Amino acid sequence: MLFRSSNITETTTSVVHIKKHLVPSYYLINNKYKVTGEHFIFTKRDNTWQFLRVEELINNDIFYGINKEELVEVIDLINSPILVVDIDVEENDLYFADGILVHNAKQVPGGA
């Protein structure tokens, strides 16, 4: 069983821009989450919470979800085009996508 150990405060944010585009590949995580490799996900590895790019995730990393933490059990690169939606939120640049806490920046300040 996984337990929450981070201190997250919920707040409201606003969507300021949405962009749709086609990408050549994506990652399929736990056979249910389709995410592009450069997307940042709030992840626990070695008991440390941090934002990691999806392409950096490994088995046994843990996502921070709305209702629970979720273990990364399977991660596959799918070389097939997919339509994605980029969402720009302000001012915190954080939101839940498919129930997982993500960051909408191309580079997370002070990290990756």
C-alpha atoms as a PDB file:
ATOM      1  CA  MET A   1       0.000   0.000   0.000  1.00  0.00           C
ATOM      2  CA  LEU A   2       1.198   3.506  -0.824  1.00  0.00           C
ATOM      3  CA  PHE A   3       0.737   6.449   1.531  1.00  0.00           C
ATOM      4  CA  ARG A   4       0.766  10.199   0.887  1.00  0.00           C
ATOM      5  CA  SER A   5       3.889  11.741   2.340  1.00  0.00           C
ATOM      6  CA  SER A   6       4.084  15.083   0.542  1.00  0.00           C
ATOM      7  CA  ASN A   7       2.530  18.320   1.717  1.00  0.00           C
ATOM      8  CA  ILE A   8       0.385  19.630  -1.177  1.00  0.00           C
ATOM      9  CA  THR A   9      -2.057  22.526  -0.852  1.00  0.00           C
ATOM     10  CA  GLU A  10      -4.931  22.668  -3.335  1.00  0.00           C
ATOM     11  CA  THR A  11      -5.737  25.982  -5.006  1.00  0.00           C
ATOM     12  CA  THR A  12      -7.552  27.343  -8.035  1.00  0.00           C
ATOM     13  CA  THR A  13      -5.810  28.133 -11.307  1.00  0.00           C
ATOM     14  CA  SER A  14      -6.960  29.460 -14.676  1.00  0.00           C
ATOM     15  CA  VAL A  15      -6.508  28.028 -18.153  1.00  0.00           C
ATOM     16  CA  VAL A  16      -5.013  30.834 -20.261  1.00  0.00           C
ATOM     17  CA  HIS A  17      -4.216  28.970 -23.478  1.00  0.00           C
ATOM     18  CA  ILE A  18      -4.951  25.651 -25.166  1.00  0.00           C
ATOM     19  CA  LYS A  19      -3.049  24.308 -28.173  1.00  0.00           C
ATOM     20  CA  LYS A  20      -3.716  21.074 -30.066  1.00  0.00           C
ATOM     21  CA  HIS A  21      -1.070  19.406 -32.200  1.00  0.00           C
ATOM     22  CA  LEU A  22       0.074  16.036 -33.495  1.00  0.00           C
ATOM     23  CA  VAL A  23       3.157  14.358 -32.000  1.00  0.00           C
ATOM     24  CA  PRO A  24       4.977  11.330 -33.501  1.00  0.00           C
ATOM     25  CA  SER A  25       5.104   9.234 -30.312  1.00  0.00           C
ATOM     26  CA  TYR A  26       4.006   9.010 -26.695  1.00  0.00           C
ATOM     27  CA  TYR A  27       4.432   6.890 -23.582  1.00  0.00           C
ATOM     28  CA  LEU A  28       1.778   4.522 -22.283  1.00  0.00           C
ATOM     29  CA  ILE A  29       2.038   4.187 -18.511  1.00  0.00           C
ATOM     30  CA  ASN A  30       0.358   1.310 -16.667  1.00  0.00           C
ATOM     31  CA  ASN A  31      -1.578   0.567 -19.861  1.00  0.00           C
ATOM     32  CA  LYS A  32      -3.860   3.580 -19.256  1.00  0.00           C
ATOM     33  CA  TYR A  33      -2.070   6.952 -19.266  1.00  0.00           C
ATOM     34  CA  LYS A  34      -0.956   8.379 -22.642  1.00  0.00           C
ATOM     35  CA  VAL A  35       1.654  11.097 -22.073  1.00  0.00           C
ATOM     36  CA  THR A  36       4.341  12.757 -24.184  1.00  0.00           C
ATOM     37  CA  GLY A  37       7.936  12.247 -23.093  1.00  0.00           C
ATOM     38  CA  GLU A  38       8.723  15.860 -22.250  1.00  0.00           C
ATOM     39  CA  HIS A  39       5.738  16.245 -19.906  1.00  0.00           C
ATOM     40  CA  PHE A  40       6.613  16.721 -16.208  1.00  0.00           C
ATOM     41  CA  ILE A  41       4.873  14.527 -13.623  1.00  0.00           C
ATOM     42  CA  PHE A  42       5.153  14.921  -9.837  1.00  0.00           C
ATOM     43  CA  THR A  43       6.969  11.718  -8.926  1.00  0.00           C
ATOM     44  CA  LYS A  44       8.454  10.077  -5.864  1.00  0.00           C
ATOM     45  CA  ARG A  45      11.730   8.214  -6.324  1.00  0.00           C
ATOM     46  CA  ASP A  46      14.011   7.141  -3.473  1.00  0.00           C
ATOM     47  CA  ASN A  47      11.615   8.819  -0.976  1.00  0.00           C
ATOM     48  CA  THR A  48      12.008  12.209  -2.679  1.00  0.00           C
ATOM     49  CA  TRP A  49       9.157  14.025  -4.466  1.00  0.00           C
ATOM     50  CA  GLN A  50      10.230  15.835  -7.628  1.00  0.00           C
ATOM     51  CA  PHE A  51       9.022  16.715 -11.115  1.00  0.00           C
ATOM     52  CA  LEU A  52      10.422  14.277 -13.673  1.00  0.00           C
ATOM     53  CA  ARG A  53       9.924  14.161 -17.413  1.00  0.00           C
ATOM     54  CA  VAL A  54       7.900  11.144 -18.485  1.00  0.00           C
ATOM     55  CA  GLU A  55      10.865   9.928 -20.569  1.00  0.00           C
ATOM     56  CA  GLU A  56      12.865   9.728 -17.307  1.00  0.00           C
ATOM     57  CA  LEU A  57      10.349   7.581 -15.412  1.00  0.00           C
ATOM     58  CA  ILE A  58      11.252   4.058 -14.416  1.00  0.00           C
ATOM     59  CA  ASN A  59       9.358   1.146 -12.912  1.00  0.00           C
ATOM     60  CA  ASN A  60       8.591   1.612  -9.205  1.00  0.00           C
ATOM     61  CA  ASP A  61       8.448   5.421  -9.405  1.00  0.00           C
ATOM     62  CA  ILE A  62       5.267   6.772  -7.801  1.00  0.00           C
ATOM     63  CA  PHE A  63       2.847   9.381  -9.218  1.00  0.00           C
ATOM     64  CA  TYR A  64       0.985  11.855  -7.061  1.00  0.00           C
ATOM     65  CA  GLY A  65      -2.710  11.418  -7.880  1.00  0.00           C
ATOM     66  CA  ILE A  66      -5.882  13.227  -6.839  1.00  0.00           C
ATOM     67  CA  ASN A  67      -7.122  10.343  -4.722  1.00  0.00           C
ATOM     68  CA  LYS A  68      -4.069   8.147  -4.273  1.00  0.00           C
ATOM     69  CA  GLU A  69      -0.465   7.557  -5.164  1.00  0.00           C
ATOM     70  CA  GLU A  70       0.103   5.192  -8.058  1.00  0.00           C
ATOM     71  CA  LEU A  71       3.072   2.944  -8.705  1.00  0.00           C
ATOM     72  CA  VAL A  72       4.626   2.948 -12.194  1.00  0.00           C
ATOM     73  CA  GLU A  73       4.487  -0.708 -13.142  1.00  0.00           C
ATOM     74  CA  VAL A  74       4.729  -0.604 -16.946  1.00  0.00           C
ATOM     75  CA  ILE A  75       5.963   2.161 -19.230  1.00  0.00           C
ATOM     76  CA  ASP A  76       6.123   1.717 -22.999  1.00  0.00           C
ATOM     77  CA  LEU A  77       7.169   4.065 -25.790  1.00  0.00           C
ATOM     78  CA  ILE A  78       4.516   3.979 -28.520  1.00  0.00           C
ATOM     79  CA  ASN A  79       5.842   5.080 -31.918  1.00  0.00           C
ATOM     80  CA  SER A  80       2.510   6.128 -33.346  1.00  0.00           C
ATOM     81  CA  PRO A  81       1.183   9.655 -33.921  1.00  0.00           C
ATOM     82  CA  ILE A  82      -1.299  11.035 -31.418  1.00  0.00           C
ATOM     83  CA  LEU A  83      -3.180  14.315 -31.095  1.00  0.00           C
ATOM     84  CA  VAL A  84      -2.257  16.069 -27.846  1.00  0.00           C
ATOM     85  CA  VAL A  85      -3.590  19.127 -26.060  1.00  0.00           C
ATOM     86  CA  ASP A  86      -1.159  21.522 -24.375  1.00  0.00           C
ATOM     87  CA  ILE A  87      -2.815  23.401 -21.522  1.00  0.00           C
ATOM     88  CA  ASP A  88      -1.251  26.579 -20.144  1.00  0.00           C
ATOM     89  CA  VAL A  89      -2.491  27.347 -16.634  1.00  0.00           C
ATOM     90  CA  GLU A  90      -1.528  30.305 -14.497  1.00  0.00           C
ATOM     91  CA  GLU A  91      -0.295  31.265 -12.095  1.00  0.00           C
ATOM     92  CA  ASN A  92       0.903  28.044 -10.508  1.00  0.00           C
ATOM     93  CA  ASP A  93       1.545  26.038 -13.716  1.00  0.00           C
ATOM     94  CA  LEU A  94       0.239  22.894 -12.003  1.00  0.00           C
ATOM     95  CA  TYR A  95      -2.893  20.868 -12.656  1.00  0.00           C
ATOM     96  CA  PHE A  96      -4.270  17.344 -12.523  1.00  0.00           C
ATOM     97  CA  ALA A  97      -4.397  15.544 -15.883  1.00  0.00           C
ATOM     98  CA  ASP A  98      -6.175  12.192 -15.816  1.00  0.00           C
ATOM     99  CA  GLY A  99      -5.917  12.436 -12.028  1.00  0.00           C
ATOM    100  CA  ILE A 100      -2.113  12.883 -11.958  1.00  0.00           C
ATOM    101  CA  LEU A 101      -0.359  16.066 -10.769  1.00  0.00           C
ATOM    102  CA  VAL A 102       1.574  17.571 -13.698  1.00  0.00           C
ATOM    103  CA  HIS A 103       3.497  20.753 -14.515  1.00  0.00           C
ATOM    104  CA  ASN A 104       2.802  22.612 -17.747  1.00  0.00           C
ATOM    105  CA  ALA A 105       6.243  24.180 -18.258  1.00  0.00           C
ATOM    106  CA  LYS A 106       8.860  23.006 -20.760  1.00  0.00           C
ATOM    107  CA  GLN A 107      11.366  23.184 -17.901  1.00  0.00           C
ATOM    108  CA  VAL A 108      10.560  23.078 -14.204  1.00  0.00           C
ATOM    109  CA  PRO A 109      12.335  25.908 -12.295  1.00  0.00           C
ATOM    110  CA  GLY A 110      15.192  24.579 -10.198  1.00  0.00           C
ATOM    111  CA  GLY A 111      14.881  21.101 -11.681  1.00  0.00           C
ATOM    112  CA  ALA A 112      15.006  18.827 -14.726  1.00  0.00           C
END
